[in-house]
């Protein structure tokens, strides 16, 4: 399954936001086409502190799979919701780096 053009644009906007705020050295966000997984990682001092994996279930919905290698939820989300959750987590983690 692929990202829709709207989803590609949203992910690209999020990746650009990370770069603009000098957070791309601490954060990764990418889509794995083969497995339909969207992966977000947050690193601090070469240590992975958060990894979130979202599985695409159909054209609109994403299922939250793992966060911080422990919490699991059985709920679906739109990509807009996912990016807000991830952005809020990054901002909370790197308050002093974010220049908003």
Protein backbone atom coordinates (compact mmCIF):
# COMPACT_ATOMS: atom_id res chain seq x y z
CA UNK A 1 0.00 0.00 0.00
CA UNK A 2 1.25 3.48 -0.81
CA UNK A 3 0.81 6.89 0.72
CA UNK A 4 -1.81 9.03 -0.94
CA UNK A 5 -0.57 12.29 -2.46
CA UNK A 6 -2.09 14.18 0.50
CA UNK A 7 -0.30 11.87 2.95
CA UNK A 8 2.99 12.29 1.06
CA UNK A 9 2.59 16.05 1.27
CA UNK A 10 1.81 15.90 5.01
CA UNK A 11 4.83 13.69 5.73
CA UNK A 12 7.07 15.93 3.64
CA UNK A 13 5.80 19.00 5.53
CA UNK A 14 6.59 17.30 8.84
CA UNK A 15 10.08 16.30 7.65
CA UNK A 16 10.69 19.89 6.52
CA UNK A 17 9.50 21.17 9.92
CA UNK A 18 12.10 18.91 11.59
CA UNK A 19 14.84 20.35 9.34
CA UNK A 20 13.71 23.95 9.83
CA UNK A 21 13.88 23.53 13.61
CA UNK A 22 17.26 21.72 13.54
CA UNK A 23 15.65 18.53 14.86
CA UNK A 24 16.41 16.26 11.90
CA UNK A 25 19.61 15.10 13.64
CA UNK A 26 17.49 13.83 16.52
CA UNK A 27 14.37 12.69 14.67
CA UNK A 28 13.54 10.41 11.75
CA UNK A 29 10.23 10.05 9.95
CA UNK A 30 9.87 7.74 6.98
CA UNK A 31 7.46 5.40 5.20
CA UNK A 32 8.37 1.78 4.40
CA UNK A 33 6.45 0.93 1.24
CA UNK A 34 6.95 -2.84 1.36
CA UNK A 35 5.30 -3.21 4.79
CA UNK A 36 3.04 -0.11 4.72
CA UNK A 37 4.63 1.19 7.92
CA UNK A 38 5.21 4.77 8.95
CA UNK A 39 8.12 5.01 11.40
CA UNK A 40 8.98 7.87 13.74
CA UNK A 41 12.15 7.77 15.82
CA UNK A 42 13.52 10.22 18.37
CA UNK A 43 17.19 10.02 19.36
CA UNK A 44 19.10 11.78 22.11
CA UNK A 45 22.86 11.43 22.43
CA UNK A 46 22.91 8.41 20.08
CA UNK A 47 20.27 6.64 22.20
CA UNK A 48 16.83 5.77 20.84
CA UNK A 49 14.32 7.25 23.28
CA UNK A 50 11.14 6.75 21.28
CA UNK A 51 10.06 4.71 18.31
CA UNK A 52 6.53 4.75 16.98
CA UNK A 53 5.30 2.48 14.22
CA UNK A 54 1.99 3.11 12.46
CA UNK A 55 0.49 0.47 10.16
CA UNK A 56 -1.65 1.55 7.23
CA UNK A 57 -4.92 -0.40 7.35
CA UNK A 58 -6.72 1.15 4.37
CA UNK A 59 -6.74 4.34 2.31
CA UNK A 60 -7.41 6.64 5.29
CA UNK A 61 -6.77 4.85 8.56
CA UNK A 62 -3.55 4.10 10.40
CA UNK A 63 -3.29 1.76 13.35
CA UNK A 64 -0.98 2.75 16.19
CA UNK A 65 1.33 -0.17 16.84
CA UNK A 66 4.17 0.61 19.24
CA UNK A 67 5.31 3.71 21.08
CA UNK A 68 8.30 3.83 23.37
CA UNK A 69 8.64 0.10 22.76
CA UNK A 70 5.84 -0.69 25.20
CA UNK A 71 2.47 1.06 24.89
CA UNK A 72 -0.06 -0.38 22.43
CA UNK A 73 -3.45 0.93 21.37
CA UNK A 74 -6.23 -0.61 19.32
CA UNK A 75 -7.45 2.59 17.69
CA UNK A 76 -7.24 4.05 14.20
CA UNK A 77 -5.97 7.52 13.31
CA UNK A 78 -5.75 9.83 10.33
CA UNK A 79 -2.25 10.88 9.30
CA UNK A 80 -2.98 14.46 10.39
CA UNK A 81 -3.57 13.16 13.94
CA UNK A 82 -0.40 11.08 13.86
CA UNK A 83 1.76 14.03 12.82
CA UNK A 84 0.30 16.21 15.58
CA UNK A 85 1.02 13.50 18.18
CA UNK A 86 4.59 13.08 16.92
CA UNK A 87 5.20 16.83 16.66
CA UNK A 88 3.95 17.40 20.22
CA UNK A 89 6.26 14.63 21.48
CA UNK A 90 9.27 16.13 19.66
CA UNK A 91 8.50 19.62 20.96
CA UNK A 92 8.19 18.34 24.51
CA UNK A 93 11.44 16.39 24.20
CA UNK A 94 13.50 19.17 22.59
CA UNK A 95 11.90 22.36 23.94
CA UNK A 96 15.14 24.34 23.94
CA UNK A 97 16.00 23.42 20.32
CA UNK A 98 12.64 24.24 18.74
CA UNK A 99 12.54 27.80 17.43
CA UNK A 100 8.82 28.35 16.95
